[in-house]
Amino acid sequence: MSRSDERRVSFRMPFATEVICYVDELDKKYSGTLRDLSITSLFMEADDCPHIGCKCDIGIILEGEHSRLEIKNVSGSIVRSDDNGVAICFDERLEWFALVPLYFHKLRD
C-alpha cells in the first residue's frame, strides 16, 4: 500500500500479545494474537474470525514476568478481514493506550 492509500488517522504500535474478541450476536469467543494497536483500532491475527460488521467486545492481555493485566470491555466493530485476521475499530478511543509504551519499556528491562 502506498502512502497515498494510507487511511489510518492514528499511530499504530506493533504488538504481540493475546487478544480475545467476544461477539454476542453469534454467542462466540474468538482468540488470536494482537499484531498492532492504535488508540482507535487493532488488528487481530487469527485462523477463525468474526465477519465484517459484527459488533464485539475486546479483551487485551498484557503478560509480565510476575503479573498479568487484562484490558476488558473495549467495544468495537469488525471493519476489515483478510487471510491473516481482522481489523477492529473501537467505538471510543482506547483510554488505556498510554500504558502501551510503559509495557514495551518493561519488556526491555
N, C-alpha and C. Protein backbone atom coordinates (compact mmCIF):
# COMPACT_ATOMS: atom_id res chain seq x y z
N MET A 1 0.86 -1.17 0.00
CA MET A 1 0.00 0.00 0.00
C MET A 1 0.90 1.23 0.00
N SER A 2 0.64 2.15 -0.88
CA SER A 2 1.43 3.37 -0.94
C SER A 2 0.97 4.36 0.13
N ARG A 3 1.80 5.36 0.40
CA ARG A 3 1.46 6.38 1.41
C ARG A 3 0.15 7.07 1.07
N SER A 4 -0.11 7.28 -0.22
CA SER A 4 -1.34 7.98 -0.62
C SER A 4 -2.59 7.13 -0.36
N ASP A 5 -2.41 5.79 -0.25
CA ASP A 5 -3.54 4.90 0.04
C ASP A 5 -3.80 4.75 1.53
N GLU A 6 -2.89 5.24 2.35
CA GLU A 6 -3.00 5.09 3.79
C GLU A 6 -4.21 5.83 4.34
N ARG A 7 -5.07 5.13 5.08
CA ARG A 7 -6.27 5.75 5.64
C ARG A 7 -6.22 5.86 7.16
N ARG A 8 -5.18 5.36 7.78
CA ARG A 8 -5.08 5.41 9.23
C ARG A 8 -4.92 6.85 9.69
N VAL A 9 -5.61 7.18 10.78
CA VAL A 9 -5.50 8.53 11.31
C VAL A 9 -4.72 8.58 12.62
N SER A 10 -4.38 7.42 13.17
CA SER A 10 -3.63 7.41 14.41
C SER A 10 -2.45 6.44 14.32
N PHE A 11 -1.44 6.71 15.12
CA PHE A 11 -0.21 5.93 15.16
C PHE A 11 -0.49 4.50 15.62
N ARG A 12 0.12 3.53 14.96
CA ARG A 12 -0.02 2.12 15.32
C ARG A 12 1.29 1.61 15.89
N MET A 13 1.19 0.82 16.95
CA MET A 13 2.36 0.20 17.53
C MET A 13 2.31 -1.29 17.24
N PRO A 14 3.41 -1.86 16.74
CA PRO A 14 3.45 -3.31 16.56
C PRO A 14 3.36 -3.98 17.92
N PHE A 15 2.73 -5.12 17.96
CA PHE A 15 2.45 -5.75 19.24
C PHE A 15 2.39 -7.25 19.05
N ALA A 16 2.60 -8.02 20.07
CA ALA A 16 2.40 -9.47 20.02
C ALA A 16 1.97 -9.93 21.39
N THR A 17 0.68 -9.98 21.61
CA THR A 17 0.13 -10.46 22.86
C THR A 17 -1.25 -11.04 22.57
N GLU A 18 -1.84 -11.67 23.55
CA GLU A 18 -3.13 -12.32 23.36
C GLU A 18 -4.27 -11.29 23.33
N VAL A 19 -5.21 -11.52 22.44
CA VAL A 19 -6.42 -10.71 22.37
C VAL A 19 -7.61 -11.65 22.24
N ILE A 20 -8.70 -11.30 22.90
CA ILE A 20 -9.92 -12.09 22.85
C ILE A 20 -11.04 -11.20 22.33
N CYS A 21 -11.82 -11.73 21.41
CA CYS A 21 -12.91 -10.99 20.78
C CYS A 21 -14.22 -11.74 21.06
N TYR A 22 -15.13 -11.10 21.79
CA TYR A 22 -16.42 -11.69 22.12
C TYR A 22 -17.48 -11.09 21.20
N VAL A 23 -18.21 -11.94 20.49
CA VAL A 23 -19.28 -11.48 19.60
C VAL A 23 -20.60 -12.01 20.15
N ASP A 24 -21.37 -11.11 20.80
CA ASP A 24 -22.62 -11.52 21.45
C ASP A 24 -23.64 -12.07 20.47
N GLU A 25 -23.79 -11.41 19.31
CA GLU A 25 -24.82 -11.84 18.37
C GLU A 25 -24.59 -13.26 17.87
N LEU A 26 -23.35 -13.72 17.89
CA LEU A 26 -23.03 -15.09 17.49
C LEU A 26 -22.83 -15.99 18.71
N ASP A 27 -22.86 -15.38 19.90
CA ASP A 27 -22.59 -16.09 21.15
C ASP A 27 -21.29 -16.89 21.03
N LYS A 28 -20.25 -16.19 20.58
CA LYS A 28 -18.98 -16.86 20.32
C LYS A 28 -17.80 -16.03 20.78
N LYS A 29 -16.73 -16.72 21.16
CA LYS A 29 -15.48 -16.08 21.57
C LYS A 29 -14.39 -16.49 20.59
N TYR A 30 -13.65 -15.49 20.10
CA TYR A 30 -12.52 -15.72 19.21
C TYR A 30 -11.26 -15.28 19.93
N SER A 31 -10.18 -15.99 19.74
CA SER A 31 -8.91 -15.53 20.32
C SER A 31 -7.84 -15.54 19.25
N GLY A 32 -6.87 -14.68 19.45
CA GLY A 32 -5.78 -14.57 18.49
C GLY A 32 -4.64 -13.76 19.06
N THR A 33 -3.78 -13.32 18.18
CA THR A 33 -2.62 -12.53 18.57
C THR A 33 -2.80 -11.11 18.08
N LEU A 34 -2.59 -10.18 18.97
CA LEU A 34 -2.65 -8.77 18.62
C LEU A 34 -1.41 -8.44 17.79
N ARG A 35 -1.61 -8.00 16.55
CA ARG A 35 -0.49 -7.67 15.67
C ARG A 35 -0.08 -6.21 15.82
N ASP A 36 -1.07 -5.32 15.85
CA ASP A 36 -0.77 -3.92 16.10
C ASP A 36 -1.97 -3.25 16.75
N LEU A 37 -1.68 -2.12 17.38
CA LEU A 37 -2.67 -1.45 18.21
C LEU A 37 -2.52 0.06 18.05
N SER A 38 -3.64 0.75 17.97
CA SER A 38 -3.64 2.21 17.99
C SER A 38 -4.69 2.65 19.01
N ILE A 39 -4.83 3.91 19.18
CA ILE A 39 -5.81 4.44 20.13
C ILE A 39 -7.24 4.22 19.63
N THR A 40 -7.40 3.95 18.33
CA THR A 40 -8.73 3.81 17.73
C THR A 40 -9.04 2.42 17.19
N SER A 41 -8.03 1.53 17.09
CA SER A 41 -8.28 0.23 16.48
C SER A 41 -7.15 -0.75 16.76
N LEU A 42 -7.36 -1.99 16.32
CA LEU A 42 -6.33 -3.02 16.42
C LEU A 42 -6.49 -4.00 15.27
N PHE A 43 -5.44 -4.81 15.05
CA PHE A 43 -5.52 -5.92 14.11
C PHE A 43 -5.23 -7.18 14.89
N MET A 44 -6.14 -8.16 14.80
CA MET A 44 -6.01 -9.44 15.49
C MET A 44 -5.74 -10.52 14.46
N GLU A 45 -4.61 -11.21 14.60
CA GLU A 45 -4.31 -12.35 13.75
C GLU A 45 -5.00 -13.57 14.34
N ALA A 46 -5.74 -14.29 13.51
CA ALA A 46 -6.45 -15.48 13.98
C ALA A 46 -6.85 -16.33 12.78
N ASP A 47 -6.99 -17.63 13.01
CA ASP A 47 -7.44 -18.53 11.96
C ASP A 47 -8.95 -18.45 11.78
N ASP A 48 -9.67 -18.37 12.88
CA ASP A 48 -11.13 -18.30 12.86
C ASP A 48 -11.52 -16.89 13.31
N CYS A 49 -12.24 -16.16 12.46
CA CYS A 49 -12.54 -14.76 12.75
C CYS A 49 -14.01 -14.44 12.52
N PRO A 50 -14.54 -13.45 13.26
CA PRO A 50 -15.90 -12.98 13.00
C PRO A 50 -15.97 -12.23 11.67
N HIS A 51 -17.17 -12.05 11.17
CA HIS A 51 -17.39 -11.40 9.88
C HIS A 51 -17.38 -9.88 9.99
N ILE A 52 -17.08 -9.22 8.90
CA ILE A 52 -17.13 -7.76 8.83
C ILE A 52 -18.52 -7.28 9.23
N GLY A 53 -18.56 -6.25 10.04
CA GLY A 53 -19.81 -5.67 10.51
C GLY A 53 -20.25 -6.16 11.88
N CYS A 54 -19.67 -7.25 12.36
CA CYS A 54 -20.03 -7.77 13.69
C CYS A 54 -19.60 -6.79 14.77
N LYS A 55 -20.48 -6.54 15.73
CA LYS A 55 -20.15 -5.78 16.94
C LYS A 55 -19.46 -6.74 17.91
N CYS A 56 -18.48 -6.24 18.64
CA CYS A 56 -17.74 -7.12 19.54
C CYS A 56 -17.22 -6.37 20.76
N ASP A 57 -16.82 -7.15 21.75
CA ASP A 57 -16.12 -6.65 22.92
C ASP A 57 -14.74 -7.31 22.92
N ILE A 58 -13.72 -6.51 23.18
CA ILE A 58 -12.34 -6.97 23.11
C ILE A 58 -11.73 -7.05 24.50
N GLY A 59 -10.89 -8.04 24.70
CA GLY A 59 -10.05 -8.15 25.88
C GLY A 59 -8.61 -8.24 25.43
N ILE A 60 -7.75 -7.39 25.94
CA ILE A 60 -6.32 -7.39 25.60
C ILE A 60 -5.56 -7.82 26.84
N ILE A 61 -4.71 -8.82 26.70
CA ILE A 61 -4.00 -9.37 27.85
C ILE A 61 -2.51 -9.04 27.73
N LEU A 62 -2.01 -8.29 28.71
CA LEU A 62 -0.60 -7.93 28.77
C LEU A 62 0.05 -8.80 29.83
N GLU A 63 0.98 -9.64 29.41
CA GLU A 63 1.66 -10.58 30.31
C GLU A 63 3.00 -10.02 30.73
N GLY A 64 3.23 -10.01 32.01
CA GLY A 64 4.54 -9.66 32.54
C GLY A 64 5.20 -10.91 33.09
N GLU A 65 6.40 -10.76 33.60
CA GLU A 65 7.10 -11.91 34.17
C GLU A 65 6.42 -12.39 35.45
N HIS A 66 5.89 -11.43 36.24
CA HIS A 66 5.29 -11.78 37.51
C HIS A 66 3.86 -11.30 37.67
N SER A 67 3.27 -10.81 36.59
CA SER A 67 1.91 -10.29 36.70
C SER A 67 1.22 -10.33 35.34
N ARG A 68 -0.05 -10.01 35.37
CA ARG A 68 -0.86 -10.02 34.15
C ARG A 68 -1.88 -8.89 34.26
N LEU A 69 -2.03 -8.12 33.18
CA LEU A 69 -3.00 -7.05 33.12
C LEU A 69 -3.95 -7.34 31.97
N GLU A 70 -5.25 -7.32 32.25
CA GLU A 70 -6.24 -7.55 31.21
C GLU A 70 -7.10 -6.31 31.04
N ILE A 71 -7.09 -5.76 29.84
CA ILE A 71 -7.95 -4.63 29.49
C ILE A 71 -9.21 -5.25 28.90
N LYS A 72 -10.35 -5.02 29.55
CA LYS A 72 -11.59 -5.70 29.15
C LYS A 72 -12.65 -4.70 28.70
N ASN A 73 -13.67 -5.25 28.04
CA ASN A 73 -14.87 -4.49 27.67
C ASN A 73 -14.58 -3.31 26.75
N VAL A 74 -13.69 -3.49 25.81
CA VAL A 74 -13.44 -2.48 24.79
C VAL A 74 -14.37 -2.83 23.63
N SER A 75 -15.38 -2.00 23.40
CA SER A 75 -16.36 -2.33 22.36
C SER A 75 -15.92 -1.77 21.01
N GLY A 76 -16.29 -2.50 19.97
CA GLY A 76 -15.92 -2.09 18.62
C GLY A 76 -16.66 -2.90 17.57
N SER A 77 -16.20 -2.76 16.33
CA SER A 77 -16.80 -3.47 15.19
C SER A 77 -15.70 -3.99 14.29
N ILE A 78 -15.96 -5.12 13.66
CA ILE A 78 -15.05 -5.67 12.67
C ILE A 78 -15.20 -4.84 11.39
N VAL A 79 -14.11 -4.22 10.94
CA VAL A 79 -14.19 -3.34 9.78
C VAL A 79 -13.44 -3.87 8.56
N ARG A 80 -12.56 -4.84 8.77
CA ARG A 80 -11.80 -5.39 7.65
C ARG A 80 -11.38 -6.81 8.01
N SER A 81 -11.29 -7.64 6.98
CA SER A 81 -10.87 -9.03 7.18
C SER A 81 -9.96 -9.43 6.03
N ASP A 82 -8.93 -10.23 6.33
CA ASP A 82 -8.11 -10.82 5.28
C ASP A 82 -7.69 -12.21 5.74
N ASP A 83 -6.81 -12.85 5.00
CA ASP A 83 -6.41 -14.23 5.32
C ASP A 83 -5.69 -14.35 6.66
N ASN A 84 -5.16 -13.24 7.17
CA ASN A 84 -4.40 -13.27 8.42
C ASN A 84 -5.23 -12.97 9.66
N GLY A 85 -6.36 -12.27 9.51
CA GLY A 85 -7.15 -11.90 10.67
C GLY A 85 -8.13 -10.78 10.37
N VAL A 86 -8.43 -9.99 11.43
CA VAL A 86 -9.43 -8.93 11.30
C VAL A 86 -8.94 -7.62 11.92
N ALA A 87 -9.42 -6.52 11.35
CA ALA A 87 -9.20 -5.19 11.91
C ALA A 87 -10.47 -4.81 12.67
N ILE A 88 -10.28 -4.30 13.87
CA ILE A 88 -11.39 -3.92 14.73
C ILE A 88 -11.25 -2.44 15.07
N CYS A 89 -12.29 -1.68 14.78
CA CYS A 89 -12.33 -0.26 15.09
C CYS A 89 -13.11 -0.09 16.40
N PHE A 90 -12.51 0.60 17.37
CA PHE A 90 -13.15 0.79 18.67
C PHE A 90 -14.28 1.82 18.56
N ASP A 91 -15.31 1.65 19.38
CA ASP A 91 -16.41 2.62 19.44
C ASP A 91 -15.94 3.94 20.06
N GLU A 92 -15.03 3.85 21.00
CA GLU A 92 -14.44 5.02 21.68
C GLU A 92 -12.93 4.84 21.69
N ARG A 93 -12.21 5.94 21.82
CA ARG A 93 -10.75 5.84 21.91
C ARG A 93 -10.34 4.96 23.09
N LEU A 94 -9.29 4.20 22.90
CA LEU A 94 -8.78 3.31 23.95
C LEU A 94 -8.08 4.14 25.01
N GLU A 95 -8.76 4.35 26.13
CA GLU A 95 -8.22 5.22 27.17
C GLU A 95 -6.97 4.65 27.84
N TRP A 96 -6.72 3.36 27.70
CA TRP A 96 -5.55 2.73 28.31
C TRP A 96 -4.36 2.68 27.37
N PHE A 97 -4.47 3.33 26.20
CA PHE A 97 -3.39 3.28 25.21
C PHE A 97 -2.08 3.82 25.77
N ALA A 98 -2.14 4.75 26.70
CA ALA A 98 -0.92 5.32 27.30
C ALA A 98 -0.09 4.27 28.03
N LEU A 99 -0.71 3.15 28.41
CA LEU A 99 0.03 2.08 29.09
C LEU A 99 0.93 1.30 28.14
N VAL A 100 0.65 1.33 26.86
CA VAL A 100 1.38 0.51 25.90
C VAL A 100 2.88 0.84 25.88
N PRO A 101 3.31 2.09 25.78
CA PRO A 101 4.75 2.36 25.82
C PRO A 101 5.39 1.91 27.14
N LEU A 102 4.67 2.02 28.24
CA LEU A 102 5.20 1.55 29.53
C LEU A 102 5.41 0.05 29.51
N TYR A 103 4.49 -0.68 28.88
CA TYR A 103 4.61 -2.13 28.75
C TYR A 103 5.85 -2.49 27.93
N PHE A 104 6.07 -1.79 26.81
CA PHE A 104 7.26 -2.05 25.99
C PHE A 104 8.53 -1.78 26.79
N HIS A 105 8.54 -0.69 27.58
CA HIS A 105 9.70 -0.36 28.40
C HIS A 105 9.97 -1.48 29.40
N LYS A 106 8.93 -2.02 30.01
CA LYS A 106 9.06 -3.11 30.98
C LYS A 106 9.66 -4.35 30.31
N LEU A 107 9.25 -4.65 29.07
CA LEU A 107 9.76 -5.81 28.36
C LEU A 107 11.25 -5.69 28.06
N ARG A 108 11.73 -4.47 27.84
CA ARG A 108 13.15 -4.27 27.51
C ARG A 108 14.03 -4.41 28.75
N ASP A 109 13.50 -4.16 29.93
CA ASP A 109 14.30 -4.23 31.17
C ASP A 109 14.62 -5.65 31.58
